Protein backbone atom coordinates (compact mmCIF):
# COMPACT_ATOMS: atom_id res chain seq x y z
CA MET A 1 213.59 51.96 -95.91
CA ASP A 2 213.43 53.23 -92.22
CA ASN A 3 210.00 53.70 -90.31
CA GLY A 4 210.06 57.50 -90.25
CA SER A 5 210.01 57.51 -94.21
CA THR A 6 207.34 54.75 -94.32
CA PHE A 7 204.81 56.71 -92.13
CA VAL A 8 205.26 59.97 -93.96
CA GLN A 9 204.80 57.94 -97.16
CA ALA A 10 201.92 56.16 -95.80
CA PHE A 11 200.42 59.30 -94.66
CA THR A 12 200.93 61.35 -97.83
CA ILE A 13 199.56 58.16 -99.94
CA LEU A 14 196.20 58.44 -98.18
CA PHE A 15 195.84 61.93 -97.22
CA ARG A 16 196.64 63.20 -100.65
CA GLU A 17 194.36 60.53 -102.74
CA GLY A 18 191.83 60.57 -100.31
CA LEU A 19 191.65 64.10 -99.79
CA GLU A 20 189.85 65.23 -103.10
CA ALA A 21 187.30 62.84 -102.65
CA LEU A 22 186.96 63.77 -98.92
CA LEU A 23 185.87 67.13 -99.91
CA VAL A 24 183.57 66.15 -102.25
CA ILE A 25 181.65 64.29 -99.88
CA ALA A 26 181.99 66.84 -97.48
CA ALA A 27 180.69 69.64 -99.71
CA LEU A 28 177.92 67.54 -100.41
CA ALA A 29 176.88 66.42 -96.65
CA ALA A 30 177.44 69.83 -95.72
CA PHE A 31 175.02 70.95 -98.14
CA MET A 32 172.38 68.26 -97.19
CA ARG A 33 172.75 69.54 -93.53
CA ARG A 34 172.29 73.28 -94.42
CA ALA A 35 169.59 72.77 -96.71
CA ASP A 36 167.54 70.49 -93.36
CA ALA A 37 168.15 67.51 -95.34
CA ALA A 38 170.17 65.50 -93.12
CA HIS A 39 168.22 62.28 -93.02
CA ARG A 40 169.19 62.13 -97.04
CA ILE A 41 172.92 62.09 -96.53
CA ALA A 42 173.11 58.33 -96.14
CA PRO A 43 172.69 57.61 -100.02
CA ILE A 44 176.24 59.80 -99.98
CA TYR A 45 177.95 57.62 -97.27
CA ILE A 46 176.59 54.48 -99.06
CA GLY A 47 178.12 55.25 -102.38
CA ALA A 48 181.53 56.26 -100.85
CA GLY A 49 181.92 52.73 -98.74
CA ALA A 50 180.63 51.43 -101.89
CA ALA A 51 183.19 52.80 -103.54
CA VAL A 52 185.78 51.56 -100.82
CA LEU A 53 184.71 47.62 -101.78
CA ALA A 54 184.94 48.26 -105.28
CA SER A 55 187.89 49.74 -105.27
CA LEU A 56 189.51 47.01 -103.55
CA GLY A 57 188.11 44.72 -106.02
CA MET A 58 189.60 46.75 -108.49
CA ALA A 59 192.97 46.99 -107.20
CA TRP A 60 192.60 42.96 -107.15
CA VAL A 61 192.01 43.01 -110.85
CA PHE A 62 194.82 45.29 -111.56
CA GLU A 63 196.85 43.36 -109.50
CA THR A 64 196.15 40.00 -110.93
CA TYR A 65 195.81 40.63 -114.35
CA TYR A 66 197.60 43.90 -115.29
CA ASP A 67 200.66 43.51 -112.92
CA GLY A 68 199.92 46.15 -110.59
CA ASN A 69 199.35 49.26 -113.63
CA HIS A 70 195.64 51.06 -113.65
CA ASN A 71 193.72 51.11 -116.78
CA ASP A 72 194.06 54.33 -118.32
CA LEU A 73 191.10 53.97 -120.96
CA ILE A 74 188.69 52.37 -117.38
CA GLU A 75 190.15 55.41 -115.35
CA ALA A 76 188.88 58.39 -118.20
CA GLY A 77 185.77 56.73 -118.12
CA VAL A 78 185.10 57.06 -114.57
CA MET A 79 186.93 60.71 -114.74
CA LEU A 80 184.32 61.95 -116.88
CA LEU A 81 181.16 60.11 -115.92
CA ALA A 82 181.88 61.79 -112.44
CA ALA A 83 182.56 65.09 -114.05
CA GLY A 84 179.16 65.03 -115.92
CA LEU A 85 177.27 64.41 -112.57
CA MET A 86 179.55 67.04 -110.81
CA PHE A 87 178.05 69.37 -113.75
CA TYR A 88 174.79 68.46 -112.97
CA MET A 89 174.45 68.82 -109.36
CA SER A 90 176.38 72.46 -109.52
CA GLY A 91 173.78 73.33 -112.16
CA TRP A 92 171.28 72.08 -109.55
CA LEU A 93 172.53 74.11 -106.61
CA PHE A 94 172.96 77.02 -108.61
CA LEU A 95 169.30 77.06 -109.87
CA ARG A 96 168.00 76.41 -105.76
CA GLN A 97 170.28 79.39 -104.33
CA ASP A 98 167.39 81.85 -103.53
CA PRO A 99 166.79 80.73 -99.66
CA LYS A 100 163.09 82.01 -100.46
CA ALA A 101 162.43 79.44 -103.46
CA TRP A 102 164.76 77.04 -101.24
CA GLN A 103 162.22 76.94 -98.29
CA ALA A 104 159.28 76.48 -100.72
CA ASP A 105 160.84 73.33 -102.21
CA LEU A 106 162.00 71.92 -98.69
CA ASN A 107 157.80 71.50 -97.72
CA ARG A 108 157.77 69.18 -101.47
CA LEU A 109 161.49 67.35 -99.93
CA ALA A 110 160.01 63.58 -100.91
CA GLY A 111 158.43 64.83 -104.11
CA GLN A 112 160.38 67.58 -106.36
CA ALA A 113 163.31 69.14 -104.19
CA LEU A 114 165.04 65.85 -103.36
CA GLY A 115 163.87 63.26 -105.15
CA ALA A 116 165.02 60.09 -106.40
CA GLY A 117 166.86 61.32 -109.09
CA THR A 118 168.74 63.85 -107.26
CA VAL A 119 169.61 61.60 -104.13
CA LEU A 120 171.04 58.59 -107.04
CA SER A 121 173.31 61.65 -108.39
CA LEU A 122 174.48 62.43 -105.04
CA ALA A 123 175.34 58.66 -104.42
CA GLY A 124 176.77 58.25 -107.71
CA ILE A 125 178.83 61.51 -107.27
CA ALA A 126 180.27 59.72 -103.94
CA PHE A 127 180.66 56.61 -105.43
CA LEU A 128 182.97 58.09 -108.51
CA ALA A 129 184.84 60.64 -106.30
CA VAL A 130 186.04 57.55 -103.94
CA PHE A 131 185.94 55.28 -106.78
CA ARG A 132 188.40 56.55 -109.15
CA GLU A 133 191.02 57.33 -106.09
CA GLY A 134 190.75 54.04 -104.05
CA ALA A 135 192.17 51.44 -106.37
CA GLU A 136 195.15 53.90 -107.20
CA THR A 137 195.73 54.52 -103.33
CA VAL A 138 195.38 50.53 -102.79
CA LEU A 139 198.17 50.10 -105.22
CA PHE A 140 200.52 52.35 -104.08
CA LEU A 141 199.99 50.88 -100.67
CA HIS A 142 200.60 47.96 -101.81
CA ALA A 143 203.66 48.74 -103.36
CA LEU A 144 204.84 50.77 -100.83
CA ALA A 145 204.75 47.50 -98.57
CA ARG A 146 206.58 45.63 -100.82
CA THR A 147 209.48 48.09 -100.56
CA ALA A 148 209.27 48.67 -97.00
CA GLY A 149 209.18 45.18 -95.92
CA GLY A 150 205.65 44.13 -95.17
CA TRP A 151 202.92 46.08 -93.61
CA ASP A 152 204.15 46.98 -90.55
CA GLY A 153 203.60 49.26 -87.81
CA SER A 154 204.73 52.62 -89.35
CA LEU A 155 203.29 52.39 -92.73
CA PHE A 156 199.57 51.29 -90.67
CA GLY A 157 200.28 54.51 -88.23
CA GLY A 158 200.95 56.81 -91.10
CA LEU A 159 197.30 55.69 -92.77
CA GLY A 160 196.00 55.80 -88.87
CA ALA A 161 197.22 59.67 -88.74
CA ALA A 162 196.20 60.61 -92.67
CA ALA A 163 192.88 59.09 -91.37
CA LEU A 164 192.86 61.49 -88.73
CA ALA A 165 193.51 64.04 -90.47
CA LEU A 166 190.86 63.72 -93.20
CA VAL A 167 188.26 62.94 -90.52
CA ALA A 168 189.01 66.15 -88.54
CA LEU A 169 189.01 68.13 -91.60
CA PHE A 170 185.35 66.84 -92.44
CA ALA A 171 184.18 67.59 -89.35
CA ALA A 172 185.76 71.39 -89.65
CA MET A 173 183.73 71.57 -92.90
CA GLN A 174 180.50 70.26 -91.52
CA TRP A 175 180.85 72.93 -88.69
CA LEU A 176 181.38 75.78 -90.95
CA ALA A 177 178.75 74.93 -92.70
CA LEU A 178 176.07 75.29 -90.23
CA LYS A 179 177.68 78.91 -89.27
CA LEU A 180 177.38 80.27 -92.81
CA PRO A 181 174.01 81.37 -94.60
CA LEU A 182 172.13 79.25 -97.06
CA ARG A 183 173.05 81.10 -100.06
CA PRO A 184 176.47 81.46 -99.64
CA ILE A 185 176.38 77.51 -98.83
CA PHE A 186 174.69 76.99 -102.00
CA ARG A 187 176.90 79.19 -104.12
CA MET A 188 180.31 77.79 -103.29
CA THR A 189 179.22 74.03 -103.69
CA SER A 190 178.05 74.87 -106.93
CA ALA A 191 181.31 76.26 -107.74
CA PHE A 192 183.32 73.42 -105.84
CA LEU A 193 181.64 70.84 -107.89
CA PHE A 194 181.83 72.56 -111.23
CA LEU A 195 185.52 73.25 -110.75
CA MET A 196 186.19 69.76 -109.80
CA GLY A 197 184.05 68.67 -112.84
CA LEU A 198 186.41 70.54 -115.10
CA LYS A 199 189.52 69.38 -113.21
CA LEU A 200 188.07 65.82 -114.08
CA VAL A 201 187.88 66.35 -117.51
CA GLY A 202 191.43 67.35 -118.05
CA ALA A 203 192.45 64.62 -115.68
CA ALA A 204 190.70 62.07 -118.26
CA ILE A 205 192.15 63.95 -121.62
CA GLN A 206 195.11 63.12 -119.76
CA GLU A 207 194.71 59.83 -119.68
CA LEU A 208 193.53 59.59 -122.81
CA GLN A 209 196.69 61.74 -124.21
CA GLU A 210 199.20 58.74 -122.44
CA GLN A 211 197.23 56.61 -124.88
CA ALA A 212 198.27 58.72 -127.63
CA LEU A 213 194.42 58.52 -128.47
CA VAL A 214 194.46 62.82 -128.45
CA SER A 215 197.34 65.00 -129.22
CA VAL A 216 199.59 66.99 -126.67
CA HIS A 217 200.23 70.89 -127.53
CA ASP A 218 201.46 72.36 -124.25
CA ASP A 219 203.57 75.49 -125.60
CA GLY A 220 202.63 78.75 -124.31
CA VAL A 221 200.75 77.32 -121.33
CA PRO A 222 201.43 78.55 -118.08
CA THR A 223 203.02 76.68 -116.10
CA ILE A 224 200.63 77.58 -112.88
CA VAL A 225 197.95 75.67 -114.60
CA ALA A 226 200.18 72.70 -113.97
CA ASP A 227 201.61 73.59 -110.69
CA LEU A 228 197.53 73.69 -109.57
CA GLY A 229 196.88 69.78 -110.60
CA PHE A 230 195.32 71.12 -114.10
CA ASN A 231 196.19 69.47 -117.47
CA GLY A 232 198.27 72.21 -118.86
CA SER A 233 197.96 71.04 -122.42
CA GLY A 234 196.18 73.25 -124.77
CA GLU A 235 193.58 70.73 -125.77
CA ALA A 236 192.23 70.36 -122.26
CA LEU A 237 192.22 74.03 -122.04
CA GLY A 238 190.23 74.27 -124.97
CA VAL A 239 187.21 71.80 -123.84
CA GLN A 240 187.68 73.33 -120.19
CA GLY A 241 186.92 76.65 -121.77
CA ALA A 242 184.39 75.52 -123.90
CA LEU A 243 182.65 74.04 -120.46
CA VAL A 244 183.31 77.35 -118.99
CA LEU A 245 181.61 79.59 -122.21
CA MET A 246 178.56 77.25 -121.95
CA ALA A 247 178.13 77.55 -117.94
CA VAL A 248 178.36 81.40 -118.33
CA ALA A 249 175.76 81.12 -121.33
CA GLY A 250 173.40 79.07 -118.98
CA LEU A 251 174.23 81.37 -116.51
CA LEU A 252 173.44 84.51 -118.24
CA PHE A 253 170.12 82.64 -119.81
CA PHE A 254 168.92 81.84 -116.20
CA ARG A 255 169.46 85.48 -114.92
CA SER A 256 167.13 87.13 -118.01
CA ARG A 257 164.51 84.72 -117.35
CA ARG A 258 164.56 85.46 -113.66
CA THR A 259 164.32 89.09 -114.50
CA GLU A 260 161.92 87.91 -117.00
CA THR A 261 159.70 86.47 -114.29
CA ALA A 262 160.06 89.28 -111.41
CA ASN A 263 158.84 91.82 -114.11
CA ARG A 264 156.04 89.80 -115.06
CA ALA A 265 155.27 89.54 -111.46
CA ASN A 266 155.30 92.73 -110.33
CA PRO A 267 154.58 95.19 -113.88
CA ALA A 268 154.98 98.11 -112.04
CA VAL A 269 158.59 98.21 -110.88
CA SER A 270 159.38 97.00 -114.87
CA ARG A 271 157.93 100.71 -116.07
């Protein structure tokens, strides 16, 4: 394998596998900075750093005991847990999208707005976002090193270039977040986490389908679904559709309660 091909493959592996995790971490960090809670970002980075170490350990386990093959059931479990945390944080952010209400929350950051449970959830999301990709990335790179004749300069060069690209993307997201109004940041982060949660649910179902634990029916499903990186089976789309309906029902309930509260506070307006 020539050096140029090794460079491109190493770059592609790290950038592709790291992009989704970085987007999650960058979105959470941007939200914290924009909400004047930058001092609470550390758990996010700690969770991501711990996931890197855990990924190396899991990669060693896979390499030693599973001949380099990842365990589909473990991966499905990690994905479902990550999806659950993302749905939770998505709803948490959506309920606090009102700048006036959020400013009131800022006055009691230590107690309610970003309490221990929420901070642990942020750290958990960061950990799982990195961990679910990390071990697989290490195994891919190990396989590439085997076929390319070792960990040479072109392989490390590709990894370095990918790391720089990811850092530049992260910095751009943080800069953009500081320029946008508060409400769009909350809404975009909430929507992004919900979409990522849906994608993880589909990916977890795919892992179970590969183990023949869940059936596969993909007749009539548009190919664009798979092209976008989603599970294109009817089973996955059915579960994801149910989750979307639950979210819509929650949104309608939230809006009705907010309208009811506003009418009680201003009875003259509701007449």
